[in-house]
Protein backbone atom coordinates (compact mmCIF):
# COMPACT_ATOMS: atom_id res chain seq x y z
CA VAL A 1 83.96 90.85 74.98
CA PRO A 2 81.24 93.12 76.40
CA SER A 3 81.53 96.75 75.33
CA THR A 4 82.44 97.71 78.90
CA HIS A 5 85.65 95.71 78.50
CA ALA A 6 86.30 96.41 74.81
CA TRP A 7 89.62 98.04 75.75
CA VAL A 8 91.07 94.51 75.87
CA ASN A 9 91.06 94.62 72.06
CA ASN A 10 93.48 97.57 72.09
CA PRO A 11 96.86 96.58 70.67
CA VAL A 12 99.86 96.36 72.94
CA PRO A 13 101.80 99.61 72.35
CA THR A 14 104.97 99.22 70.29
CA ASN A 15 107.06 100.65 73.17
CA ALA A 16 106.01 97.66 75.32
CA ARG A 17 108.39 95.45 73.38
CA SER A 18 111.54 97.24 74.49
CA ALA A 19 114.11 95.44 76.64
CA THR A 20 113.21 97.63 79.64
CA GLU A 21 109.50 96.89 79.34
CA LEU A 22 110.11 93.14 78.88
CA LYS A 23 112.27 93.17 82.00
CA CYS A 24 109.42 94.75 83.99
CA LEU A 25 107.03 92.06 82.74
CA ALA A 26 109.53 89.33 83.60
CA THR A 27 110.06 90.90 87.04
CA ALA A 28 106.31 90.79 87.72
CA ILE A 29 106.16 87.16 86.63
CA TYR A 30 109.18 86.27 88.76
CA PHE A 31 108.17 87.98 91.98
CA GLU A 32 104.43 87.35 91.77
CA ALA A 33 104.28 83.83 90.36
CA ARG A 34 107.61 82.03 90.07
CA SER A 35 106.38 79.21 92.30
CA GLU A 36 103.16 78.84 90.28
CA PRO A 37 102.62 76.54 87.30
CA GLU A 38 103.23 78.09 83.91
CA LYS A 39 99.48 78.71 83.50
CA GLY A 40 99.54 80.86 86.66
CA GLN A 41 102.56 82.79 85.43
CA ILE A 42 100.85 83.46 82.09
CA ALA A 43 97.74 84.63 83.97
CA VAL A 44 99.82 87.17 85.91
CA ALA A 45 101.35 88.41 82.65
CA GLN A 46 97.85 88.68 81.18
CA VAL A 47 96.74 90.89 84.06
CA VAL A 48 99.72 93.17 83.42
CA LEU A 49 98.84 93.40 79.71
CA ASN A 50 95.15 93.89 80.48
CA ARG A 51 96.05 96.86 82.64
CA LEU A 52 98.37 98.17 79.95
CA LYS A 53 95.51 98.11 77.43
CA ASN A 54 92.97 99.63 79.81
CA PRO A 55 92.99 103.45 79.63
CA ALA A 56 92.45 103.66 83.39
CA TYR A 57 96.01 102.44 84.02
CA PRO A 58 99.53 103.58 83.01
CA ASN A 59 100.48 103.18 79.34
CA THR A 60 103.74 101.28 79.89
CA ILE A 61 104.40 97.86 81.39
CA CYS A 62 106.80 99.36 83.92
CA GLY A 63 104.19 101.99 84.80
CA VAL A 64 101.61 99.27 85.37
CA VAL A 65 103.90 97.03 87.42
CA TYR A 66 105.23 99.83 89.61
CA GLN A 67 102.04 101.93 89.92
CA ASN A 68 101.79 103.25 93.49
CA LYS A 69 105.20 101.80 94.36
CA ASN A 70 105.68 104.55 96.95
CA LYS A 71 102.43 103.68 98.77
CA ARG A 72 103.19 100.73 101.03
CA ASN A 73 100.87 97.82 100.34
CA ARG A 74 98.73 99.93 97.99
CA CYS A 75 99.68 98.45 94.65
CA GLN A 76 98.46 95.49 92.60
CA PHE A 77 101.86 93.81 92.47
CA SER A 78 102.80 93.44 96.10
CA PHE A 79 106.53 93.01 95.52
CA ALA A 80 106.62 96.55 94.12
CA CYS A 81 105.46 98.23 97.32
CA ASP A 82 106.11 95.82 100.19
CA GLY A 83 109.27 97.60 101.32
CA ILE A 84 111.43 94.50 100.74
CA LYS A 85 114.43 94.82 98.43
CA ASP A 86 113.74 92.93 95.21
CA ARG A 87 116.52 90.40 94.81
CA ILE A 88 116.56 87.80 92.08
CA THR A 89 117.97 84.76 93.84
CA GLU A 90 116.68 81.89 91.67
CA LYS A 91 118.54 82.01 88.38
CA ALA A 92 116.49 79.30 86.64
CA ALA A 93 113.18 80.93 87.67
CA TRP A 94 114.44 84.32 86.44
CA GLU A 95 115.50 82.89 83.09
CA SER A 96 112.10 81.18 82.82
CA ALA A 97 110.28 84.44 83.65
CA GLN A 98 112.27 86.29 80.99
CA ALA A 99 111.53 83.63 78.38
CA LEU A 100 107.85 83.61 79.31
CA ALA A 101 107.63 87.41 79.09
CA ARG A 102 109.05 87.23 75.56
CA ARG A 103 106.63 84.43 74.62
CA VAL A 104 103.62 86.33 75.95
CA MET A 105 104.60 89.48 74.07
CA ASN A 106 105.31 87.60 70.84
CA ASP A 107 102.26 85.36 70.94
CA GLU A 108 99.72 87.17 73.11
CA ARG A 109 96.66 85.94 71.21
CA THR A 110 97.58 82.24 71.43
CA LEU A 111 98.51 82.47 75.10
CA TYR A 112 95.42 84.53 76.01
CA MET A 113 93.50 82.64 78.69
CA ALA A 114 89.72 83.01 78.33
CA SER A 115 89.25 81.89 81.94
CA VAL A 116 91.22 84.94 83.10
CA GLY A 117 89.67 87.12 80.38
CA THR A 118 89.74 90.82 81.09
CA SER A 119 90.96 90.45 84.67
CA THR A 120 92.86 93.46 85.95
CA HIS A 121 93.22 92.25 89.53
CA TYR A 122 94.21 89.17 91.47
CA HIS A 123 95.20 88.21 94.96
CA ALA A 124 96.71 85.26 96.74
CA THR A 125 94.30 82.71 98.16
CA TYR A 126 95.46 83.40 101.70
CA VAL A 127 94.30 87.05 101.72
CA LYS A 128 90.83 88.58 101.47
CA PRO A 129 91.07 92.13 100.14
CA ARG A 130 88.00 94.34 100.48
CA TRP A 131 88.10 95.32 96.81
CA ALA A 132 87.38 91.74 95.72
CA ARG A 133 83.75 92.00 96.80
CA SER A 134 83.11 94.69 94.19
CA MET A 135 84.51 92.63 91.31
CA LYS A 136 83.55 89.54 89.33
CA ARG A 137 85.63 86.48 90.14
CA MET A 138 86.99 84.90 86.99
CA ASP A 139 89.27 81.98 87.89
CA LYS A 140 91.55 80.48 90.50
CA ILE A 141 94.89 79.31 89.22
CA GLY A 142 97.39 77.96 91.69
CA ARG A 143 97.44 80.30 94.68
CA HIS A 144 95.88 83.27 92.88
CA ILE A 145 92.27 84.32 92.31
CA PHE A 146 91.64 86.55 89.30
CA TYR A 147 88.96 89.26 89.00
CA LYS A 148 87.60 91.65 86.42
CA THR A 149 85.84 94.90 87.13
CA ARG A 150 82.10 94.80 86.68
CA TYR A 151 81.91 97.86 84.43
CA GLY A 152 85.16 97.87 82.50
CA GLY A 153 87.52 99.82 84.70
CA TRP A 154 87.83 102.77 87.03
CA SER A 155 86.77 106.22 86.07
């Protein structure tokens, strides 16, 4: 990993393994990628953990997932700030998201996807955010395109 992205080697904080934090990770997986293949769901979880490890972002999973939640359409995880009530309506998908969140946290190194790498951003294929032009495209998985910052993060 280039020195500009060396933060990815930071360990996941111990507090990230609490039930509350795991629920936030599962919620991100569920609302952002439940209709994606498992690889796409893991990639979304990896972005959450990449942000958690990056000092430019909040130091909890819930902080990462809900960052800017009060700024409509100004957050990475659109479900968190789209103004729509978050309702879990697909029981099997929710159970799968919870199990996947636990797997990612318990076996992060094995599930780490090199093609996603140090990505801290992604968007759906049907949108074209302005910020994407300033980043390096890493991979397209399902209906999401993943990006890393060119210089390691925001100052």
